[in-house]
Protein backbone atom coordinates (compact mmCIF):
# COMPACT_ATOMS: atom_id res chain seq x y z
CA MET A 1 88.30 101.75 78.40
CA LEU A 2 89.62 105.10 77.22
CA CYS A 3 87.75 108.40 77.53
CA TYR A 4 86.58 109.85 74.29
CA PRO A 5 87.05 113.56 73.46
CA PHE A 6 84.42 115.65 75.16
CA ASP A 7 85.20 119.20 74.13
CA ILE A 8 82.21 121.00 75.63
CA LEU A 9 82.70 119.47 79.07
CA TYR A 10 86.43 120.07 78.96
CA ARG A 11 86.15 123.74 78.00
CA VAL A 12 83.40 124.55 80.50
CA PHE A 13 85.15 122.70 83.32
CA ARG A 14 88.51 124.30 82.55
CA TYR A 15 87.20 127.83 82.86
CA HIS A 16 84.52 127.38 85.51
CA GLY A 17 85.89 124.59 87.67
CA PHE A 18 84.48 122.52 90.51
CA ASN A 19 81.62 124.84 91.44
CA GLN A 20 79.90 124.28 88.08
CA ILE A 21 79.22 120.58 88.78
CA ASN A 22 75.44 120.94 88.78
CA MET A 23 75.40 122.88 85.54
CA LEU A 24 77.75 120.41 83.88
CA SER A 25 75.65 117.43 84.92
CA LYS A 26 72.74 118.87 82.97
CA ILE A 27 74.61 119.10 79.68
CA THR A 28 76.49 115.80 79.78
CA ALA A 29 75.50 112.40 78.51
CA PRO A 30 74.04 109.99 81.12
CA ARG A 31 77.33 108.11 81.41
CA GLU A 32 79.12 111.32 82.40
CA ARG A 33 76.51 112.46 84.91
CA ASN A 34 77.58 110.19 87.79
CA PHE A 35 81.14 111.20 87.10
CA LEU A 36 80.32 114.80 88.03
CA LEU A 37 78.07 114.47 91.07
CA PRO A 38 79.91 115.35 94.30
CA GLY A 39 80.08 113.56 97.63
CA ASN A 40 80.20 109.90 96.70
CA ARG A 41 83.81 109.32 95.67
CA LEU A 42 86.91 107.87 97.27
CA TYR A 43 90.36 108.25 95.70
CA HIS A 44 93.36 106.00 96.29
CA TYR A 45 96.77 107.08 94.97
CA CYS A 46 99.50 104.54 94.20
CA SER A 47 102.41 103.81 91.88
CA TRP A 48 101.60 102.18 88.56
CA GLU A 49 103.63 99.12 89.66
CA THR A 50 101.43 98.66 92.72
CA ALA A 51 98.31 99.11 90.63
CA VAL A 52 99.34 96.56 88.00
CA SER A 53 100.96 93.95 90.23
CA LYS A 54 98.96 94.10 93.46
CA ILE A 55 95.67 95.98 93.20
CA LEU A 56 94.11 95.42 89.78
CA PRO A 57 94.78 91.67 89.40
CA ALA A 58 92.56 90.90 92.41
CA TYR A 59 90.69 94.23 92.67
CA GLN A 60 91.62 94.66 96.31
CA LEU A 61 93.37 97.16 98.57
CA LEU A 62 95.60 96.18 101.47
CA LEU A 63 94.79 97.44 104.96
CA ASN A 64 98.15 98.65 106.26
CA PRO A 65 99.29 98.62 109.91
CA ILE A 66 98.80 102.09 111.34
CA ASP A 67 102.43 102.33 112.46
CA LYS A 68 103.61 101.90 108.84
CA THR A 69 102.09 105.19 107.70
CA ASN A 70 104.29 108.21 107.01
CA ASP A 71 102.94 110.48 109.78
CA PRO A 72 105.18 110.33 112.90
CA ARG A 73 102.11 110.88 115.04
CA GLU A 74 101.05 107.34 114.10
CA ASN A 75 104.28 105.54 114.94
CA GLN A 76 105.80 107.61 117.75
CA ARG A 77 104.63 107.71 121.34
CA PHE A 78 101.68 109.75 122.53
CA MET A 79 102.24 111.92 125.58
CA PHE A 80 99.82 111.15 128.43
CA SER A 81 99.10 112.40 131.88
CA HIS A 82 99.27 109.59 134.46
CA ARG A 83 97.25 108.39 137.43
CA THR A 84 99.22 105.90 139.50
CA TYR A 85 99.45 104.39 142.96
CA LYS A 86 102.96 105.73 143.32
CA GLN A 87 104.93 108.72 142.12
CA ILE A 88 106.45 108.37 138.65
CA ASP A 89 109.33 110.42 137.31
CA ILE A 90 109.77 111.83 133.83
CA ALA A 91 111.81 108.85 132.61
CA GLY A 92 109.15 106.49 133.95
CA MET A 93 106.38 108.44 132.21
CA ASP A 94 108.29 108.28 128.94
CA VAL A 95 108.62 104.49 129.22
CA ALA A 96 104.94 104.15 130.09
CA ASP A 97 103.92 106.43 127.19
CA LYS A 98 105.89 104.36 124.69
CA TYR A 99 104.53 101.08 125.99
CA ILE A 100 100.85 102.01 126.06
CA SER A 101 101.16 103.74 122.65
CA THR A 102 102.46 100.49 121.18
CA ARG A 103 99.67 98.47 122.81
CA ILE A 104 96.99 100.87 121.56
CA ARG A 105 98.17 100.43 117.96
CA GLU A 106 98.41 96.63 118.02
CA GLY A 107 96.32 95.13 115.23
CA VAL A 108 95.11 98.54 114.04
CA LYS A 109 95.07 98.80 110.26
CA VAL A 110 93.94 101.50 107.86
CA CYS A 111 93.03 101.89 104.22
CA CYS A 112 93.46 105.54 103.30
CA PHE A 113 91.69 107.60 100.65
CA SER A 114 91.25 111.19 99.61
CA GLU A 115 87.85 112.74 98.98
CA ASP A 116 86.41 115.81 97.31
CA ARG A 117 86.56 118.93 99.44
CA GLU A 118 85.72 122.59 98.89
CA ASN A 119 86.78 123.54 95.35
CA TYR A 120 89.09 120.51 95.12
CA TRP A 121 88.57 117.24 93.32
CA GLY A 122 90.22 114.46 95.31
CA CYS A 123 92.01 113.18 92.21
CA LEU A 124 93.61 116.55 91.40
CA LEU A 125 95.72 117.01 94.53
CA SER A 126 99.29 117.75 93.47
CA LYS A 127 100.81 116.86 96.85
CA MET A 128 99.08 113.49 96.80
CA TRP A 129 100.40 112.78 93.34
CA ALA A 130 103.89 113.76 94.49
CA HIS A 131 103.87 111.72 97.72
CA TYR A 132 101.77 108.67 96.84
CA GLY A 133 101.25 108.70 93.08
CA GLY A 134 104.83 107.99 92.11
CA ASN A 135 105.66 111.69 91.68
CA HIS A 136 103.00 111.98 88.98
CA LYS A 137 104.10 108.74 87.26
CA GLY A 138 101.50 106.61 89.02
CA VAL A 139 97.72 106.45 89.11
CA CYS A 140 94.75 107.47 91.22
CA LEU A 141 91.90 104.99 91.57
CA GLU A 142 88.41 106.42 91.94
CA LEU A 143 85.84 104.36 93.85
CA ASP A 144 82.12 104.78 94.20
CA LYS A 145 81.86 105.31 97.96
CA GLN A 146 78.46 103.69 98.46
CA LYS A 147 79.41 100.66 96.37
CA PHE A 148 82.64 100.34 98.37
CA ILE A 149 80.62 100.35 101.59
CA ASP A 150 78.18 97.80 100.20
CA GLU A 151 80.80 95.33 99.00
CA ASN A 152 82.88 95.48 102.20
CA GLY A 153 80.19 95.91 104.82
CA ALA A 154 80.09 92.20 105.65
CA LEU A 155 83.83 92.17 106.45
CA TYR A 156 84.39 95.54 108.09
CA ASP A 157 82.37 97.89 110.25
CA MET A 158 81.76 100.84 107.94
CA LYS A 159 81.11 103.26 110.77
CA PHE A 160 84.92 103.32 110.96
CA LEU A 161 85.14 104.88 107.49
CA GLN A 162 85.59 108.45 108.68
CA PRO A 163 87.26 111.68 107.55
CA MET A 164 90.29 112.99 109.39
CA THR A 165 90.20 115.92 111.79
CA TYR A 166 93.08 118.39 111.52
CA PHE A 167 94.25 120.54 114.41
CA ALA A 168 96.50 123.58 114.60
CA PHE A 169 98.80 123.96 117.62
CA ASP A 170 98.09 127.06 119.64
CA ARG A 171 100.98 128.02 121.94
CA ASN A 172 98.58 130.08 124.03
CA ASN A 173 96.25 127.14 124.50
CA PRO A 174 98.31 123.94 124.61
CA PRO A 175 96.37 120.66 124.34
CA ASP A 176 95.45 118.61 127.38
CA HIS A 177 97.15 115.23 127.53
CA HIS A 178 94.83 112.24 127.67
CA LEU A 179 94.87 110.36 130.97
CA HIS A 180 96.61 106.99 131.16
CA ASP A 181 95.02 105.46 134.28
CA HIS A 182 97.41 102.89 135.74
CA VAL A 183 95.02 102.30 138.64
CA LEU A 184 92.19 101.32 136.32
CA MET A 185 94.55 99.17 134.25
CA ASP A 186 95.50 97.18 137.36
CA LYS A 187 91.81 96.75 138.16
CA LEU A 188 90.63 95.68 134.68
CA GLY A 189 93.72 93.87 133.48
CA GLU A 190 95.96 95.19 130.74
CA ASP A 191 94.17 93.73 127.71
CA ALA A 192 90.72 94.90 128.81
CA TYR A 193 92.08 98.33 129.73
CA VAL A 194 93.83 98.80 126.37
CA LYS A 195 90.64 97.86 124.51
CA LYS A 196 88.58 100.31 126.60
CA PHE A 197 91.15 103.12 126.41
CA ARG A 198 91.47 102.74 122.64
CA GLN A 199 87.73 102.63 122.03
CA GLU A 200 87.06 105.73 124.12
CA ASN A 201 89.70 107.73 122.26
CA LEU A 202 89.47 106.43 118.70
CA LYS A 203 89.11 109.86 117.12
CA TYR A 204 92.09 111.28 119.00
CA PHE A 205 94.35 108.28 118.36
CA PHE A 206 93.46 107.41 114.77
CA TYR A 207 91.43 110.16 113.09
CA THR A 208 93.42 113.24 114.09
CA LYS A 209 96.42 114.84 112.36
CA ASN A 210 98.31 118.10 112.46
CA LYS A 211 96.86 120.78 110.19
CA GLU A 212 99.86 120.58 107.86
CA TRP A 213 98.35 117.30 106.55
CA GLU A 214 95.02 118.89 105.70
CA SER A 215 95.76 119.10 101.99
CA GLU A 216 95.49 115.30 101.78
CA CYS A 217 91.70 115.56 102.24
CA GLU A 218 91.91 112.17 103.90
CA ILE A 219 89.16 109.75 104.78
CA ARG A 220 90.17 106.32 106.12
CA LEU A 221 88.75 102.95 106.96
CA LEU A 222 89.98 101.74 110.33
CA HIS A 223 90.01 98.07 111.26
CA ILE A 224 91.31 96.27 114.34
CA GLY A 225 92.34 92.83 113.19
CA GLU A 226 95.04 90.22 113.50
CA LYS A 227 98.49 91.72 113.84
CA ASP A 228 100.39 89.46 111.44
CA LYS A 229 97.65 88.70 108.91
CA ASP A 230 97.20 90.54 105.63
CA GLU A 231 93.65 91.84 105.25
CA PHE A 232 92.12 93.44 102.17
CA CYS A 233 89.20 95.56 100.99
CA SER A 234 87.44 94.60 97.78
CA ILE A 235 87.11 97.21 95.03
CA LYS A 236 85.72 94.87 92.38
CA ASN A 237 82.31 96.53 92.31
CA SER A 238 83.30 100.06 93.29
CA LEU A 239 86.29 100.91 91.08
CA CYS A 240 85.03 103.15 88.27
CA ASN A 241 87.81 105.46 87.01
CA ILE A 242 91.60 105.32 86.84
CA TYR A 243 93.38 108.67 86.59
CA ILE A 244 96.80 108.73 84.97
CA GLY A 245 99.63 110.85 86.35
CA LEU A 246 101.06 113.60 84.18
CA ASN A 247 104.41 111.83 83.80
CA CYS A 248 103.20 108.23 83.47
CA PRO A 249 104.95 106.61 80.45
CA ILE A 250 102.60 105.48 77.72
CA GLU A 251 103.78 101.86 77.99
CA ASN A 252 102.68 101.85 81.63
CA VAL A 253 99.29 103.18 80.60
CA ARG A 254 99.02 100.29 78.15
CA ALA A 255 99.74 97.83 80.98
CA ILE A 256 96.99 99.36 83.08
CA GLU A 257 94.60 99.25 80.15
CA GLU A 258 95.30 95.52 79.73
CA CYS A 259 94.35 94.92 83.36
CA ILE A 260 90.89 96.38 82.86
CA ALA A 261 90.32 95.31 79.25
CA ASP A 262 87.23 93.25 80.10
CA THR A 263 85.56 95.93 82.21
CA ASP A 264 83.75 99.21 81.58
CA MET A 265 86.17 101.18 83.78
CA ARG A 266 87.59 104.36 82.32
CA ILE A 267 91.12 105.64 82.03
CA VAL A 268 91.14 109.42 82.47
CA PHE A 269 94.13 111.59 81.60
CA LEU A 270 95.14 114.78 83.36
CA SER A 271 96.82 117.92 82.11
CA TYR A 272 98.25 121.01 83.75
CA GLY A 273 96.54 124.35 83.25
CA ASP A 274 96.23 127.84 84.64
CA VAL A 275 94.96 126.72 88.05
CA GLY A 276 96.90 123.46 88.37
CA LEU A 277 95.90 119.89 87.56
CA GLN A 278 92.79 119.47 85.45
CA PHE A 279 90.94 116.80 83.51
CA ASP A 280 91.98 116.12 79.94
CA PHE A 281 89.09 114.40 78.19
CA SER A 282 91.03 113.25 75.19
CA SER A 283 92.35 109.81 74.33
CA TYR A 284 95.84 108.83 73.31
CA LYS A 285 96.87 107.13 70.11
């Protein structure tokens, strides 16, 4: 379903921006009101090919193995301090770091989203469009966060849907390395130790990134499942808007429209203005 022209909303939003959400919600039609309220949206960027061939036909998102993400912190070794029965040299610590890092990530999968942050709509993030939205030729899927939680709560533990924490390195206050306790691992057994070590450090291992990634405004669902099995989140009930990249060819938009022809989902176009990406509440012909 295509957005109809909405000149008043467009003009007010263009010149007053994100901070005028409450005012805008008072002057819009009921259908637009939920569209403007903050705090209950998830955004997933993808290419139009992925949207048309993999996501929209089944209304589902793939949970990807954590080590397949594009942040080296999630596929390279962590550096640990070590407690052992015997002395271990630098080479031995490096081997141990690589091994336990691999074990910690086994079966860990994520489904990643952006969300609204201070003065930023999660669907108007230029870097996200460049990196994940096919260099502005793809799409951004908007989900109702509460509906997403409701429709997936029976499959996944929704307490693991959490925003990322971003840290800045301070050369005057270097971080402490987490302790890899070889003595405790020998006592508990490797599998039990890995499970315990991972659980106690979930935020550090899986919800922390360098501050340079902060512009992604990321929130992610974490799931520890079967290593070689594809697992999916449903978005059948929660998908509400599809944003179109600035450079998406019109024939690709038509293909997306065909996928959602029997639904009340909206296709929303974007334009580029004085302050960057903005909503364009006009339809195409």
